[in-house]
């Protein structure tokens, strides 16, 4: 790798992080290169050179958002590396993270990308929603005891858990009513615990 290539790569990483911070505050749907470039100390020409075009930049921003999402899910999954913590405990950990005020910008970005992925399945957003579902289901599965994880009921339970989390998150983002939504999540958690499949 030449020195010029190394410098360009470092600059690309720097600008991607700056663009990601900008997108957290302003969203992605109406992203325009000119105001973005001005805000992060660059130019549209440099961004085009480093990312190819606007779609290339959007793809990298979506991938960068997924890194943060996977980091959060990784903390939950790590708790089950030695023993499965169970679906209810996993959902509780995930919700605690989702409901934290400091994650609101990231989750609004996630919701925006998720919705656009459904509307424009063949565009730059394509596959984002399906990949997110797969990521989350995988983590919830890892937290289930083997006897539950590999059963049809276990698949249904983690699918229901994910649907509940996603719905609660959208409600929270729309209303900011933390107490009401969290109470509903805890109510569902109590039902999960009562209906838990006995461990083998």
Protein backbone atom coordinates (compact mmCIF):
# COMPACT_ATOMS: atom_id res chain seq x y z
CA UNK A 1 0.00 0.00 0.00
CA UNK A 2 1.46 3.36 -1.04
CA UNK A 3 1.64 6.35 1.27
CA UNK A 4 -0.93 8.12 -0.91
CA UNK A 5 -3.34 5.19 -0.59
CA UNK A 6 -2.81 5.06 3.19
CA UNK A 7 -3.56 8.78 3.49
CA UNK A 8 -6.69 8.44 1.33
CA UNK A 9 -7.87 5.47 3.42
CA UNK A 10 -7.33 7.36 6.68
CA UNK A 11 -9.15 10.39 5.28
CA UNK A 12 -12.02 8.19 4.13
CA UNK A 13 -12.37 6.67 7.61
CA UNK A 14 -12.25 10.13 9.19
CA UNK A 15 -14.91 11.51 6.85
CA UNK A 16 -17.10 8.42 7.22
CA UNK A 17 -17.15 8.87 11.00
CA UNK A 18 -17.95 12.58 10.60
CA UNK A 19 -20.68 11.79 8.06
CA UNK A 20 -22.09 9.16 10.42
CA UNK A 21 -22.30 11.68 13.26
CA UNK A 22 -24.00 14.10 10.88
CA UNK A 23 -26.50 11.46 9.75
CA UNK A 24 -27.37 10.63 13.37
CA UNK A 25 -28.42 14.24 13.83
CA UNK A 26 -30.01 14.84 10.41
CA UNK A 27 -31.11 11.45 9.09
CA UNK A 28 -30.26 9.73 5.82
CA UNK A 29 -33.36 9.94 3.64
CA UNK A 30 -32.78 13.52 2.46
CA UNK A 31 -29.00 13.45 2.67
CA UNK A 32 -27.41 15.93 0.29
CA UNK A 33 -23.68 15.92 -0.39
CA UNK A 34 -23.20 19.68 -0.45
CA UNK A 35 -24.50 20.51 3.07
CA UNK A 36 -22.96 17.31 4.41
CA UNK A 37 -19.57 18.19 2.98
CA UNK A 38 -19.76 21.72 4.37
CA UNK A 39 -20.70 20.41 7.82
CA UNK A 40 -17.83 17.91 8.01
CA UNK A 41 -15.09 20.07 6.50
CA UNK A 42 -14.90 18.44 3.10
CA UNK A 43 -16.28 18.97 -0.41
CA UNK A 44 -18.70 17.05 -2.65
CA UNK A 45 -15.80 16.34 -5.01
CA UNK A 46 -13.75 14.69 -2.25
CA UNK A 47 -16.73 12.66 -1.06
CA UNK A 48 -17.41 11.48 -4.61
CA UNK A 49 -13.75 10.53 -5.02
CA UNK A 50 -13.64 8.54 -1.76
CA UNK A 51 -17.10 6.91 -1.87
CA UNK A 52 -17.82 6.74 -5.59
CA UNK A 53 -21.21 8.46 -5.43
CA UNK A 54 -24.00 9.27 -2.99
CA UNK A 55 -25.27 5.68 -3.01
CA UNK A 56 -21.79 4.44 -2.15
CA UNK A 57 -21.66 6.80 0.82
CA UNK A 58 -25.15 5.74 1.95
CA UNK A 59 -24.14 2.06 1.81
CA UNK A 60 -21.12 2.75 3.99
CA UNK A 61 -23.20 4.79 6.45
CA UNK A 62 -25.73 1.96 6.74
CA UNK A 63 -22.89 -0.49 7.33
CA UNK A 64 -21.47 1.86 9.97
CA UNK A 65 -24.85 2.01 11.73
CA UNK A 66 -24.96 -1.79 11.70
CA UNK A 67 -21.60 -1.88 13.49
CA UNK A 68 -23.18 0.00 16.43
CA UNK A 69 -26.25 -2.25 16.32
CA UNK A 70 -24.12 -5.41 16.38
CA UNK A 71 -22.01 -4.02 19.22
CA UNK A 72 -25.16 -3.62 21.31
CA UNK A 73 -26.38 -7.09 20.42
CA UNK A 74 -22.93 -8.48 21.14
CA UNK A 75 -23.16 -7.38 24.77
CA UNK A 76 -26.36 -9.36 25.14
CA UNK A 77 -24.93 -12.41 23.39
CA UNK A 78 -21.76 -12.34 25.53
CA UNK A 79 -23.92 -12.83 28.61
CA UNK A 80 -24.95 -16.22 27.19
CA UNK A 81 -21.50 -17.53 26.27
CA UNK A 82 -21.25 -19.84 29.26
CA UNK A 83 -24.91 -20.48 30.00
CA UNK A 84 -28.05 -19.46 28.15
CA UNK A 85 -29.59 -16.57 30.09
CA UNK A 86 -33.05 -17.22 28.69
CA UNK A 87 -35.30 -15.24 26.40
CA UNK A 88 -36.84 -13.04 29.09
CA UNK A 89 -33.44 -11.95 30.43
CA UNK A 90 -32.21 -11.27 26.89
CA UNK A 91 -35.27 -9.17 26.07
CA UNK A 92 -34.85 -7.24 29.32
CA UNK A 93 -31.19 -6.47 28.50
CA UNK A 94 -32.03 -5.42 24.95
CA UNK A 95 -34.89 -3.18 26.08
CA UNK A 96 -32.74 -1.48 28.72
CA UNK A 97 -30.33 -0.52 25.94
CA UNK A 98 -33.06 0.49 23.48
CA UNK A 99 -34.85 2.66 26.03
CA UNK A 100 -31.75 4.64 27.05
CA UNK A 101 -32.01 8.27 25.97
CA UNK A 102 -28.41 8.37 24.72
CA UNK A 103 -29.24 5.82 22.00
CA UNK A 104 -32.24 7.70 20.61
CA UNK A 105 -30.45 9.20 17.58
CA UNK A 106 -29.04 5.85 16.49
CA UNK A 107 -32.42 4.18 16.85
CA UNK A 108 -34.19 6.89 14.85
CA UNK A 109 -31.62 6.31 12.13
CA UNK A 110 -32.28 2.56 12.37
CA UNK A 111 -36.05 3.10 12.08
CA UNK A 112 -35.58 5.36 9.06
CA UNK A 113 -33.33 2.84 7.31
CA UNK A 114 -35.66 -0.05 8.21
CA UNK A 115 -38.68 1.73 6.69
CA UNK A 116 -36.80 2.81 3.56
CA UNK A 117 -35.61 -0.78 3.09
CA UNK A 118 -39.23 -1.90 2.91
CA UNK A 119 -40.24 0.86 0.50
CA UNK A 120 -37.18 0.61 -1.74
CA UNK A 121 -36.19 -3.08 -1.58
CA UNK A 122 -34.06 -2.90 -4.72
CA UNK A 123 -32.21 0.31 -3.92
CA UNK A 124 -29.30 1.21 -1.69
CA UNK A 125 -31.48 0.44 1.34
CA UNK A 126 -32.31 -3.05 0.08
CA UNK A 127 -31.83 -5.85 2.57
CA UNK A 128 -31.31 -3.62 5.60
CA UNK A 129 -34.57 -4.62 7.30
CA UNK A 130 -34.17 -8.35 6.60
CA UNK A 131 -30.56 -8.29 7.82
CA UNK A 132 -31.63 -6.54 11.00
CA UNK A 133 -34.29 -9.18 11.68
CA UNK A 134 -31.73 -11.93 11.14
CA UNK A 135 -29.17 -10.23 13.42
CA UNK A 136 -31.64 -9.81 16.28
CA UNK A 137 -33.17 -13.28 15.97
CA UNK A 138 -29.67 -14.78 16.04
CA UNK A 139 -28.82 -13.06 19.31
CA UNK A 140 -32.14 -14.02 20.91
CA UNK A 141 -31.63 -17.62 19.78
CA UNK A 142 -28.17 -17.70 21.37
CA UNK A 143 -29.74 -16.71 24.69
CA UNK A 144 -32.30 -19.53 24.65
CA UNK A 145 -31.54 -22.92 26.25
CA UNK A 146 -30.76 -25.53 23.55
CA UNK A 147 -33.98 -27.47 24.12
CA UNK A 148 -36.01 -24.34 23.50
CA UNK A 149 -33.78 -22.79 20.82
CA UNK A 150 -34.08 -25.70 18.43
CA UNK A 151 -37.83 -26.23 18.75
CA UNK A 152 -40.66 -24.74 16.69
CA UNK A 153 -42.00 -23.16 19.86
CA UNK A 154 -38.60 -21.63 20.56
CA UNK A 155 -38.51 -20.04 17.10
CA UNK A 156 -42.03 -18.69 17.61
CA UNK A 157 -41.15 -17.31 21.06
CA UNK A 158 -38.08 -15.40 19.87
CA UNK A 159 -40.00 -14.13 16.84
CA UNK A 160 -42.70 -12.84 19.19
CA UNK A 161 -40.05 -11.31 21.43
CA UNK A 162 -38.50 -9.48 18.49
CA UNK A 163 -41.88 -8.24 17.29
CA UNK A 164 -42.64 -6.94 20.78
CA UNK A 165 -39.27 -5.17 21.04
CA UNK A 166 -39.61 -3.61 17.60
CA UNK A 167 -43.15 -2.40 18.28
CA UNK A 168 -42.22 -1.02 21.68
CA UNK A 169 -39.22 0.77 20.19
CA UNK A 170 -41.31 2.43 17.48
CA UNK A 171 -43.86 3.49 20.12
CA UNK A 172 -41.08 4.95 22.27
CA UNK A 173 -39.54 6.82 19.35
CA UNK A 174 -42.96 8.22 18.40
CA UNK A 175 -44.14 9.26 21.84
CA UNK A 176 -41.08 9.38 24.14
CA UNK A 177 -43.41 7.87 26.79
CA UNK A 178 -40.71 5.78 28.45
CA UNK A 179 -42.69 4.74 31.54
CA UNK A 180 -45.78 3.52 29.69
CA UNK A 181 -43.86 1.58 27.04
CA UNK A 182 -41.43 0.06 29.54
CA UNK A 183 -44.35 -1.05 31.71
CA UNK A 184 -45.81 -2.83 28.67
CA UNK A 185 -42.46 -4.52 27.96
CA UNK A 186 -42.23 -5.72 31.57
CA UNK A 187 -45.79 -7.02 31.37
CA UNK A 188 -44.84 -9.09 28.32
CA UNK A 189 -41.67 -10.26 30.05
CA UNK A 190 -43.76 -11.62 32.91
CA UNK A 191 -45.77 -13.62 30.38
CA UNK A 192 -42.57 -14.92 28.78
CA UNK A 193 -41.29 -16.08 32.16
CA UNK A 194 -44.54 -17.84 33.03
CA UNK A 195 -44.61 -19.61 29.69
CA UNK A 196 -40.91 -20.47 29.62
CA UNK A 197 -40.09 -23.89 28.23
CA UNK A 198 -38.49 -26.03 30.99
CA UNK A 199 -34.78 -26.54 30.50
CA UNK A 200 -33.72 -30.10 29.67
